[in-house]
N, C-alpha and C. Protein backbone atom coordinates (compact mmCIF):
# COMPACT_ATOMS: atom_id res chain seq x y z
N UNK A 1 -21.05 15.89 -32.13
CA UNK A 1 -20.24 16.66 -30.99
C UNK A 1 -20.52 15.70 -29.83
N UNK A 2 -21.77 15.44 -29.53
CA UNK A 2 -22.12 14.82 -28.31
C UNK A 2 -21.61 13.49 -28.18
N UNK A 3 -21.50 12.90 -29.24
CA UNK A 3 -21.08 11.53 -29.40
C UNK A 3 -19.47 11.65 -29.07
N UNK A 4 -18.82 12.61 -29.61
CA UNK A 4 -17.35 12.51 -29.36
C UNK A 4 -17.00 12.80 -27.89
N UNK A 5 -17.85 13.76 -27.30
CA UNK A 5 -17.64 14.15 -25.80
C UNK A 5 -17.98 12.79 -25.03
N UNK A 6 -18.98 12.01 -25.43
CA UNK A 6 -19.39 10.89 -24.71
C UNK A 6 -18.26 9.82 -24.85
N UNK A 7 -17.57 9.65 -26.03
CA UNK A 7 -16.47 8.67 -26.11
C UNK A 7 -15.24 9.15 -25.34
N UNK A 8 -15.01 10.28 -25.36
CA UNK A 8 -13.93 10.87 -24.62
C UNK A 8 -14.03 10.61 -23.14
N UNK A 9 -15.24 10.91 -22.51
CA UNK A 9 -15.54 10.66 -21.17
C UNK A 9 -15.43 9.18 -20.88
N UNK A 10 -16.10 8.40 -21.51
CA UNK A 10 -15.78 7.00 -21.50
C UNK A 10 -14.56 6.36 -21.54
N UNK A 11 -13.67 6.77 -22.46
CA UNK A 11 -12.13 6.68 -22.49
C UNK A 11 -11.53 6.92 -21.12
N UNK A 12 -11.82 8.16 -20.78
CA UNK A 12 -11.08 8.72 -19.52
C UNK A 12 -11.50 7.82 -18.23
N UNK A 13 -12.86 7.61 -18.14
CA UNK A 13 -13.26 6.92 -17.10
C UNK A 13 -12.80 5.36 -17.03
N UNK A 14 -12.51 4.79 -18.11
CA UNK A 14 -11.91 3.31 -18.42
C UNK A 14 -10.47 3.45 -17.93
N UNK A 15 -9.79 4.51 -18.10
CA UNK A 15 -8.34 4.70 -18.01
C UNK A 15 -8.17 4.94 -16.45
N UNK A 16 -8.90 5.72 -16.06
CA UNK A 16 -8.63 6.42 -14.77
C UNK A 16 -8.87 5.41 -13.52
N UNK A 17 -9.75 4.45 -13.79
CA UNK A 17 -10.31 3.54 -12.71
C UNK A 17 -9.58 2.12 -12.57
N UNK A 18 -8.52 2.12 -13.04
CA UNK A 18 -7.66 0.84 -13.03
C UNK A 18 -6.84 0.99 -11.74
N UNK A 19 -6.85 -0.07 -10.95
CA UNK A 19 -6.13 -0.06 -9.81
C UNK A 19 -4.57 -0.46 -10.06
N UNK A 20 -3.80 0.35 -9.33
CA UNK A 20 -2.31 0.08 -9.58
C UNK A 20 -1.68 -0.71 -8.36
N UNK A 21 -1.29 -1.94 -8.84
CA UNK A 21 -0.59 -2.78 -8.01
C UNK A 21 1.02 -2.46 -7.88
N UNK A 22 1.42 -2.43 -6.65
CA UNK A 22 2.88 -1.90 -6.37
C UNK A 22 3.63 -3.03 -5.26
N UNK A 23 4.68 -3.43 -5.68
CA UNK A 23 5.42 -4.16 -4.87
C UNK A 23 6.50 -3.26 -3.95
N UNK A 24 6.40 -3.08 -2.61
CA UNK A 24 7.18 -2.26 -1.97
C UNK A 24 8.46 -3.29 -1.67
N UNK A 25 9.56 -3.27 -2.30
CA UNK A 25 10.64 -4.05 -2.11
C UNK A 25 11.98 -3.50 -1.46
N UNK A 26 11.87 -2.06 -1.23
CA UNK A 26 12.82 -1.35 -0.68
C UNK A 26 14.16 -1.23 -1.40
N UNK A 27 14.44 -1.82 -2.39
CA UNK A 27 15.58 -1.89 -3.23
C UNK A 27 16.31 -0.43 -3.43
N UNK A 28 15.33 0.51 -3.84
CA UNK A 28 15.80 1.87 -4.15
C UNK A 28 16.16 2.78 -2.72
N UNK A 29 15.71 2.19 -1.65
CA UNK A 29 15.90 2.97 -0.34
C UNK A 29 17.02 2.35 0.30
N UNK A 30 17.97 1.54 -0.08
CA UNK A 30 18.85 1.05 0.57
C UNK A 30 19.97 1.90 0.90
N UNK A 31 20.30 2.80 -0.14
CA UNK A 31 21.33 3.80 -0.13
C UNK A 31 21.14 5.02 0.90
N UNK A 32 19.77 5.07 1.12
CA UNK A 32 19.50 6.22 2.01
C UNK A 32 19.97 6.04 3.64
N UNK A 33 19.30 6.67 4.48
CA UNK A 33 19.68 6.58 5.94
C UNK A 33 19.76 5.11 6.38
N UNK A 34 20.83 4.67 7.03
CA UNK A 34 20.76 3.31 7.20
C UNK A 34 19.82 2.94 8.50
N UNK A 35 19.30 3.74 9.20
CA UNK A 35 18.57 3.68 10.41
C UNK A 35 17.35 4.79 10.34
N UNK A 36 16.61 4.58 9.47
CA UNK A 36 15.42 5.59 9.38
C UNK A 36 14.29 5.30 10.24
N UNK A 37 13.42 6.07 10.75
CA UNK A 37 12.18 5.57 11.62
C UNK A 37 10.99 5.90 10.59
N UNK A 38 11.17 6.25 9.23
CA UNK A 38 10.13 6.46 8.21
C UNK A 38 10.74 6.14 7.02
N UNK A 39 10.02 5.36 6.14
CA UNK A 39 10.49 5.06 4.72
C UNK A 39 9.49 5.29 3.89
N UNK A 40 9.68 6.24 2.89
CA UNK A 40 8.51 6.54 1.92
C UNK A 40 9.13 6.03 0.51
N UNK A 41 8.33 5.01 -0.10
CA UNK A 41 8.57 4.33 -1.20
C UNK A 41 7.42 4.25 -2.14
N UNK A 42 7.42 4.54 -3.34
CA UNK A 42 6.32 4.06 -4.42
C UNK A 42 5.00 4.62 -3.97
N UNK A 43 5.05 5.87 -3.42
CA UNK A 43 3.75 6.36 -2.76
C UNK A 43 3.08 5.75 -1.54
N UNK A 44 3.97 5.12 -0.85
CA UNK A 44 3.45 4.58 0.48
C UNK A 44 4.46 4.85 1.75
N UNK A 45 4.06 5.23 2.76
CA UNK A 45 4.68 5.68 3.85
C UNK A 45 4.93 4.41 5.03
N UNK A 46 6.00 4.20 5.57
CA UNK A 46 5.99 3.01 6.53
C UNK A 46 6.91 3.91 7.74
N UNK A 47 5.95 3.93 8.80
CA UNK A 47 6.64 4.65 10.04
C UNK A 47 6.62 3.75 11.28
N UNK A 48 7.60 4.24 12.07
CA UNK A 48 7.74 3.25 13.38
C UNK A 48 8.42 4.35 14.45
N UNK A 49 8.05 3.89 15.54
CA UNK A 49 8.59 4.73 16.83
C UNK A 49 10.05 4.35 17.01
N UNK A 50 10.29 3.23 16.71
CA UNK A 50 11.72 2.71 16.63
C UNK A 50 12.34 2.77 15.23
N UNK A 51 13.52 2.59 15.27
CA UNK A 51 14.38 2.61 13.93
C UNK A 51 14.09 1.44 13.22
N UNK A 52 13.98 1.49 11.76
CA UNK A 52 14.10 0.54 10.70
C UNK A 52 15.61 0.35 10.49
N UNK A 53 16.00 -0.77 9.96
CA UNK A 53 17.20 -0.85 9.38
C UNK A 53 17.27 -1.82 8.08
N UNK A 54 17.95 -1.42 6.85
CA UNK A 54 17.95 -2.14 6.00
C UNK A 54 18.77 -3.33 5.99
N UNK A 55 18.49 -4.38 5.44
CA UNK A 55 19.25 -5.66 5.36
C UNK A 55 19.37 -6.21 4.00
N UNK A 56 20.72 -6.52 3.71
CA UNK A 56 20.92 -7.06 2.39
C UNK A 56 21.76 -8.30 2.57
N UNK A 57 21.37 -9.35 1.97
CA UNK A 57 21.99 -10.70 2.15
C UNK A 57 23.31 -10.56 1.30
N UNK A 58 24.52 -10.86 1.76
CA UNK A 58 25.86 -10.73 0.96
C UNK A 58 25.60 -11.41 -0.26
N UNK A 59 26.11 -10.55 -1.25
CA UNK A 59 26.03 -11.06 -2.81
C UNK A 59 24.88 -11.18 -3.37
N UNK A 60 23.76 -10.86 -2.68
CA UNK A 60 22.44 -10.69 -3.29
C UNK A 60 21.88 -9.36 -3.54
N UNK A 61 21.15 -9.10 -4.42
CA UNK A 61 20.72 -7.67 -4.66
C UNK A 61 19.24 -7.61 -3.63
N UNK A 62 18.72 -8.62 -3.21
CA UNK A 62 17.58 -8.45 -2.36
C UNK A 62 17.81 -7.72 -1.08
N UNK A 63 16.90 -6.78 -0.74
CA UNK A 63 17.12 -5.94 0.34
C UNK A 63 15.68 -6.26 1.18
N UNK A 64 16.03 -6.24 2.46
CA UNK A 64 14.58 -6.30 3.39
C UNK A 64 14.53 -5.17 4.34
N UNK A 65 13.82 -4.84 4.98
CA UNK A 65 13.58 -3.97 5.83
C UNK A 65 13.29 -4.53 7.24
N UNK A 66 14.06 -4.26 8.20
CA UNK A 66 13.97 -4.76 9.57
C UNK A 66 13.47 -3.83 10.39
N UNK A 67 12.66 -4.40 11.41
CA UNK A 67 12.33 -3.17 12.62
C UNK A 67 12.38 -4.05 13.72
N UNK A 68 12.43 -3.37 14.96
CA UNK A 68 13.11 -3.80 16.26
C UNK A 68 11.77 -4.54 16.82
N UNK A 69 12.08 -5.38 17.65
CA UNK A 69 11.34 -6.25 18.58
C UNK A 69 10.49 -5.07 19.45
N UNK A 70 9.10 -5.41 19.75
CA UNK A 70 8.34 -4.80 20.28
C UNK A 70 7.80 -3.44 19.70
N UNK A 71 8.39 -3.20 18.54
CA UNK A 71 7.92 -1.86 17.74
C UNK A 71 6.74 -2.14 16.96
N UNK A 72 6.02 -0.94 16.77
CA UNK A 72 4.90 -1.25 16.14
C UNK A 72 5.16 -0.15 14.51
N UNK A 73 5.14 -0.87 13.42
CA UNK A 73 5.31 -0.09 12.19
C UNK A 73 3.83 -0.06 11.63
N UNK A 74 3.75 1.16 11.00
CA UNK A 74 2.35 1.58 10.24
C UNK A 74 2.51 1.85 8.97
N UNK A 75 1.71 1.31 7.93
CA UNK A 75 1.78 1.41 6.58
C UNK A 75 0.73 2.22 6.06
N UNK A 76 0.87 3.22 5.21
CA UNK A 76 -0.19 4.25 4.66
C UNK A 76 0.25 4.62 3.27
N UNK A 77 -0.88 5.09 2.67
CA UNK A 77 -0.50 5.55 1.34
C UNK A 77 -0.03 7.03 1.52
N UNK A 78 0.78 7.40 0.70
CA UNK A 78 1.41 8.79 1.21
C UNK A 78 0.26 10.00 0.72
N UNK A 79 -0.38 9.70 -0.24
CA UNK A 79 -1.54 10.54 -0.74
C UNK A 79 -2.90 10.33 -0.25
N UNK A 80 -3.00 9.46 0.82
CA UNK A 80 -4.05 9.30 1.62
C UNK A 80 -5.25 8.33 1.24
N UNK A 81 -5.49 8.13 -0.14
CA UNK A 81 -6.48 7.27 -0.29
C UNK A 81 -6.49 5.75 0.13
N UNK A 82 -7.45 5.17 -0.15
CA UNK A 82 -7.64 3.75 0.30
C UNK A 82 -6.62 2.62 -0.52
N UNK A 83 -6.37 1.45 0.09
CA UNK A 83 -5.53 0.40 -0.59
C UNK A 83 -5.87 -1.04 0.03
N UNK A 84 -5.34 -1.82 -0.88
CA UNK A 84 -5.63 -3.26 -0.39
C UNK A 84 -4.18 -3.83 -0.07
N UNK A 85 -4.05 -4.66 1.00
CA UNK A 85 -2.80 -5.32 1.09
C UNK A 85 -2.90 -6.80 0.58
N UNK A 86 -2.26 -7.04 -0.35
CA UNK A 86 -2.46 -8.38 -1.16
C UNK A 86 -1.54 -9.46 -0.47
N UNK A 87 -0.34 -9.06 -0.26
CA UNK A 87 0.71 -10.14 0.23
C UNK A 87 2.08 -9.40 0.82
N UNK A 88 2.74 -10.38 1.61
CA UNK A 88 3.96 -9.81 2.39
C UNK A 88 4.73 -10.93 2.46
N UNK A 89 6.20 -10.69 2.43
CA UNK A 89 6.99 -11.69 2.79
C UNK A 89 7.57 -11.53 4.18
N UNK A 90 7.66 -12.11 4.98
CA UNK A 90 8.05 -11.96 6.33
C UNK A 90 9.10 -13.15 6.71
N UNK A 91 10.06 -12.70 7.75
CA UNK A 91 10.80 -13.79 8.40
C UNK A 91 11.24 -12.82 9.60
N UNK A 92 12.00 -13.76 10.58
CA UNK A 92 12.12 -13.39 11.95
C UNK A 92 13.53 -13.73 12.23
N UNK A 93 14.25 -12.92 13.06
CA UNK A 93 15.39 -13.19 13.80
C UNK A 93 15.27 -12.75 15.33
N UNK A 94 15.50 -13.72 16.20
CA UNK A 94 15.93 -14.94 15.97
C UNK A 94 15.20 -15.96 15.60
N UNK A 95 13.61 -15.92 15.80
CA UNK A 95 12.89 -16.89 15.46
C UNK A 95 13.09 -18.01 16.18
N UNK A 96 12.52 -19.21 15.85
CA UNK A 96 11.33 -19.49 14.97
C UNK A 96 10.01 -19.23 15.77
N UNK A 97 8.91 -19.51 14.81
CA UNK A 97 7.45 -19.45 15.17
C UNK A 97 7.17 -18.49 16.23
N UNK A 98 7.40 -17.26 15.93
CA UNK A 98 6.82 -16.02 16.62
C UNK A 98 5.53 -15.65 15.82
N UNK A 99 4.72 -14.69 16.45
CA UNK A 99 3.79 -14.15 15.97
C UNK A 99 3.74 -12.78 15.49
N UNK A 100 3.40 -12.49 14.17
CA UNK A 100 3.49 -10.99 13.62
C UNK A 100 2.19 -10.72 13.66
N UNK A 101 1.69 -9.81 14.19
CA UNK A 101 0.29 -9.35 14.24
C UNK A 101 0.25 -8.07 13.09
N UNK A 102 -0.68 -8.28 12.48
CA UNK A 102 -1.15 -7.41 11.30
C UNK A 102 -2.54 -6.76 11.77
N UNK A 103 -2.86 -5.43 11.81
CA UNK A 103 -4.15 -4.93 12.05
C UNK A 103 -4.22 -4.00 10.90
N UNK A 104 -5.41 -4.06 10.20
CA UNK A 104 -5.78 -3.16 9.25
C UNK A 104 -6.95 -2.25 9.84
N UNK A 105 -6.94 -0.99 9.50
CA UNK A 105 -7.88 -0.10 9.52
C UNK A 105 -8.68 0.46 8.38
N UNK A 106 -10.04 0.09 8.46
CA UNK A 106 -10.99 0.48 7.20
C UNK A 106 -11.20 1.98 7.28
N UNK A 107 -11.31 2.39 5.96
CA UNK A 107 -11.75 3.95 5.92
C UNK A 107 -13.02 4.21 6.29
N UNK A 108 -13.95 3.17 6.18
CA UNK A 108 -15.04 3.40 6.73
C UNK A 108 -15.42 2.90 8.31
N UNK A 109 -14.49 2.95 8.96
CA UNK A 109 -14.40 2.55 10.36
C UNK A 109 -14.13 1.12 10.38
N UNK A 110 -13.87 0.64 11.72
CA UNK A 110 -13.63 -0.86 11.99
C UNK A 110 -12.09 -1.14 11.73
N UNK A 111 -12.01 -2.37 11.98
CA UNK A 111 -10.65 -3.07 11.75
C UNK A 111 -10.69 -4.30 11.53
N UNK A 112 -9.41 -4.93 10.88
CA UNK A 112 -9.44 -6.48 10.60
C UNK A 112 -7.94 -6.76 11.20
N UNK A 113 -7.73 -7.95 12.02
CA UNK A 113 -6.63 -8.33 12.61
C UNK A 113 -6.43 -9.74 12.02
N UNK A 114 -4.97 -10.21 12.08
CA UNK A 114 -4.55 -11.55 12.07
C UNK A 114 -3.12 -11.62 12.58
N UNK A 115 -2.92 -12.75 13.28
CA UNK A 115 -1.76 -13.22 13.81
C UNK A 115 -0.83 -14.23 12.98
N UNK A 116 0.14 -13.97 12.25
CA UNK A 116 0.71 -14.90 11.38
C UNK A 116 2.08 -15.42 12.03
N UNK A 117 2.01 -16.78 12.08
CA UNK A 117 2.88 -17.48 13.00
C UNK A 117 4.14 -17.47 11.85
N UNK A 118 5.20 -17.06 12.22
CA UNK A 118 6.33 -17.00 11.34
C UNK A 118 7.60 -17.59 11.67
N UNK A 119 8.40 -18.22 10.82
CA UNK A 119 9.71 -18.86 11.07
C UNK A 119 10.70 -18.08 10.72
N UNK A 120 11.90 -18.47 10.82
CA UNK A 120 13.18 -17.91 10.28
C UNK A 120 13.41 -17.72 9.00
N UNK A 121 12.69 -18.56 8.17
CA UNK A 121 12.82 -18.48 6.53
C UNK A 121 11.64 -17.61 6.08
N UNK A 122 11.98 -16.92 5.01
CA UNK A 122 11.01 -15.97 4.38
C UNK A 122 9.82 -16.78 3.75
N UNK A 123 8.81 -16.49 4.23
CA UNK A 123 7.47 -16.98 3.73
C UNK A 123 6.61 -15.75 3.08
N UNK A 124 5.91 -16.06 2.05
CA UNK A 124 5.01 -15.18 1.69
C UNK A 124 3.57 -15.41 2.17
N UNK A 125 2.89 -14.29 2.72
CA UNK A 125 1.56 -14.58 3.17
C UNK A 125 0.73 -13.85 2.33
N UNK A 126 -0.29 -14.60 1.72
CA UNK A 126 -1.20 -13.89 1.02
C UNK A 126 -2.66 -13.54 1.74
N UNK A 127 -3.03 -12.30 1.86
CA UNK A 127 -4.29 -11.99 2.46
C UNK A 127 -5.37 -11.89 1.55
N UNK A 128 -6.63 -12.05 2.03
CA UNK A 128 -7.76 -12.14 1.14
C UNK A 128 -8.41 -10.77 0.92
N UNK A 129 -9.64 -10.85 0.19
CA UNK A 129 -10.23 -9.62 -0.32
C UNK A 129 -10.79 -8.85 1.10
N UNK A 130 -10.93 -9.47 2.24
CA UNK A 130 -11.30 -8.70 3.50
C UNK A 130 -10.20 -7.63 3.73
N UNK A 131 -8.97 -7.55 3.26
CA UNK A 131 -7.82 -6.81 3.46
C UNK A 131 -7.81 -5.48 2.36
N UNK A 132 -9.11 -5.29 1.81
CA UNK A 132 -9.24 -4.06 0.94
C UNK A 132 -9.91 -2.76 1.59
N UNK A 133 -9.79 -1.89 1.07
CA UNK A 133 -10.45 -0.56 1.63
C UNK A 133 -9.82 -0.20 2.96
N UNK A 134 -8.35 -0.34 2.93
CA UNK A 134 -7.84 0.09 4.23
C UNK A 134 -7.37 1.52 3.95
N UNK A 135 -6.92 2.09 5.17
CA UNK A 135 -6.16 3.46 5.22
C UNK A 135 -4.94 3.21 5.91
N UNK A 136 -4.71 2.08 6.73
CA UNK A 136 -3.65 1.81 7.44
C UNK A 136 -3.54 0.38 7.90
N UNK A 137 -2.29 -0.05 7.77
CA UNK A 137 -1.85 -1.31 8.30
C UNK A 137 -0.85 -1.36 9.37
N UNK A 138 -1.08 -1.62 10.64
CA UNK A 138 0.00 -1.97 11.51
C UNK A 138 0.72 -3.33 11.76
N UNK A 139 1.85 -3.35 11.90
CA UNK A 139 2.65 -4.55 12.07
C UNK A 139 3.41 -4.57 13.40
N UNK A 140 3.26 -5.75 14.05
CA UNK A 140 4.01 -5.71 15.38
C UNK A 140 4.33 -7.30 15.68
N UNK A 141 5.45 -7.20 16.54
CA UNK A 141 6.03 -8.61 17.05
C UNK A 141 6.53 -8.19 18.34
N UNK A 142 6.27 -9.10 19.24
CA UNK A 142 6.51 -8.80 20.72
C UNK A 142 8.09 -9.12 20.97
N UNK A 143 8.43 -10.32 20.21
CA UNK A 143 9.99 -10.67 20.74
C UNK A 143 10.86 -10.92 19.60
N UNK A 144 10.54 -10.67 18.43
CA UNK A 144 11.71 -10.94 17.41
C UNK A 144 11.67 -9.71 16.53
N UNK A 145 13.06 -9.46 16.05
CA UNK A 145 12.88 -8.40 14.80
C UNK A 145 12.44 -9.09 13.61
N UNK A 146 11.60 -8.14 12.87
CA UNK A 146 10.84 -8.82 11.89
C UNK A 146 11.26 -8.36 10.51
N UNK A 147 11.64 -9.19 9.49
CA UNK A 147 12.39 -8.84 8.38
C UNK A 147 11.06 -8.67 7.14
N UNK A 148 10.73 -7.54 6.60
CA UNK A 148 9.77 -7.31 5.65
C UNK A 148 10.34 -6.91 4.28
N UNK A 149 9.69 -7.66 3.43
CA UNK A 149 9.97 -7.44 2.05
C UNK A 149 9.03 -7.77 1.10
N UNK A 150 9.08 -7.16 -0.18
CA UNK A 150 7.88 -7.52 -1.11
C UNK A 150 6.44 -7.42 -0.52
N UNK A 151 6.25 -6.26 0.05
CA UNK A 151 4.95 -5.89 0.35
C UNK A 151 3.95 -5.65 -0.71
N UNK A 152 3.09 -6.30 -1.26
CA UNK A 152 2.30 -6.13 -2.45
C UNK A 152 1.04 -5.45 -2.11
N UNK A 153 0.73 -4.08 -2.67
CA UNK A 153 -0.23 -3.39 -2.20
C UNK A 153 -1.11 -2.94 -3.61
N UNK A 154 -2.34 -2.78 -3.39
CA UNK A 154 -3.02 -2.20 -4.54
C UNK A 154 -3.80 -0.89 -4.15
N UNK A 155 -3.69 -0.01 -4.96
CA UNK A 155 -4.48 1.30 -4.79
C UNK A 155 -5.76 1.23 -5.20
N UNK A 156 -6.84 1.40 -4.21
CA UNK A 156 -8.09 1.38 -4.50
C UNK A 156 -8.47 2.67 -5.20
N UNK A 157 -8.93 2.42 -6.54
CA UNK A 157 -9.08 3.64 -7.38
C UNK A 157 -10.48 4.41 -6.97
N UNK A 158 -10.61 5.63 -7.17
CA UNK A 158 -11.74 6.48 -7.12
C UNK A 158 -12.69 5.75 -7.86
N UNK A 159 -14.11 5.59 -7.69
CA UNK A 159 -15.16 5.02 -8.36
C UNK A 159 -15.42 5.67 -9.56
N UNK A 160 -15.70 4.87 -10.66
CA UNK A 160 -15.75 5.52 -11.77
C UNK A 160 -17.08 6.41 -12.02
N UNK A 161 -17.98 6.21 -11.13
CA UNK A 161 -19.20 7.04 -11.14
C UNK A 161 -18.65 8.39 -10.83
N UNK A 162 -17.77 8.75 -10.15
CA UNK A 162 -17.19 10.08 -9.70
C UNK A 162 -16.81 10.79 -10.87
N UNK A 163 -15.76 9.89 -11.64
CA UNK A 163 -15.44 10.45 -12.97
C UNK A 163 -16.37 10.78 -14.04
N UNK A 164 -17.18 9.87 -13.99
CA UNK A 164 -18.19 9.99 -15.11
C UNK A 164 -19.20 11.19 -14.81
N UNK A 165 -19.52 11.45 -13.49
CA UNK A 165 -20.32 12.59 -13.10
C UNK A 165 -19.58 13.93 -13.24
N UNK A 166 -18.31 13.91 -13.06
CA UNK A 166 -17.36 15.16 -13.28
C UNK A 166 -17.15 15.44 -14.68
N UNK A 167 -17.17 14.24 -15.55
CA UNK A 167 -16.92 14.69 -16.96
C UNK A 167 -18.22 15.08 -17.55
N UNK A 168 -19.19 14.51 -17.09
CA UNK A 168 -20.64 14.88 -17.60
C UNK A 168 -20.88 16.50 -17.40
N UNK A 169 -20.69 16.77 -16.07
CA UNK A 169 -20.63 18.11 -15.79
C UNK A 169 -19.81 19.24 -16.43
N UNK A 170 -18.79 18.63 -16.64
CA UNK A 170 -17.87 19.39 -17.38
C UNK A 170 -18.41 19.62 -18.93
N UNK A 171 -18.84 18.57 -19.54
CA UNK A 171 -19.52 18.50 -20.74
C UNK A 171 -20.60 19.46 -20.87
N UNK A 172 -21.39 19.47 -19.82
CA UNK A 172 -22.69 20.22 -19.80
C UNK A 172 -22.30 21.85 -19.76
N UNK A 173 -21.18 22.07 -19.07
CA UNK A 173 -20.79 23.36 -18.85
C UNK A 173 -20.26 23.86 -20.14
N UNK A 174 -19.28 22.72 -20.90
CA UNK A 174 -18.75 23.27 -21.97
C UNK A 174 -19.89 23.66 -23.05
N UNK A 175 -21.07 22.72 -23.07
CA UNK A 175 -21.99 23.09 -24.02
C UNK A 175 -22.60 24.33 -23.99
N UNK A 176 -22.88 24.78 -22.61
CA UNK A 176 -23.67 26.00 -22.23
C UNK A 176 -22.93 27.03 -22.83
N UNK A 177 -21.63 27.02 -22.54
CA UNK A 177 -20.67 28.18 -22.75
C UNK A 177 -20.58 28.19 -24.37
N UNK A 178 -20.63 27.06 -25.12
CA UNK A 178 -20.83 27.38 -26.36
C UNK A 178 -22.18 27.88 -27.01
N UNK A 179 -23.29 27.57 -26.39
CA UNK A 179 -24.43 27.99 -26.70
C UNK A 179 -24.58 29.70 -26.59
N UNK A 180 -23.98 30.20 -25.54
CA UNK A 180 -24.03 31.65 -25.13
C UNK A 180 -22.88 32.39 -25.91
N UNK A 181 -22.17 31.76 -26.49
CA UNK A 181 -21.14 32.47 -27.48
C UNK A 181 -21.74 32.97 -28.87
């Protein structure tokens, strides 16, 4: 019986701790409000004091999200836990060669920043492992409208030790209950 309980706990821990990578592409949000100041998609929320605008290239199914010059946009998980920012597609209008600033806030405190030199043509920017353990990312550009698409994020899972401890305590409680009956 104890062996079965251990195997069930081990299976639960291995399944529950896998990171979920998601691409925020805004395709399903295009038919909503054309000028929202908040977009929630795939468990992530993107907010701005200014309005976003959805943009679709004529004849293409690709949709981008645009936010206004001088605005700051914040990306967070809707349910609160940490995430990693893997990559993002950016382009500018009117461009070229403006700087889009990204600032990530860590859950443990502190932050990380980078200025990406972006031109008119969509470029994919890959961010390193130091962009992990974030609770928020801010995007800003002083002089250009920023087109954002294909933001790749990975949810940071709850450590397996927490699941293992919880399942062990549940197993001990179940065994104690069985002994008293």
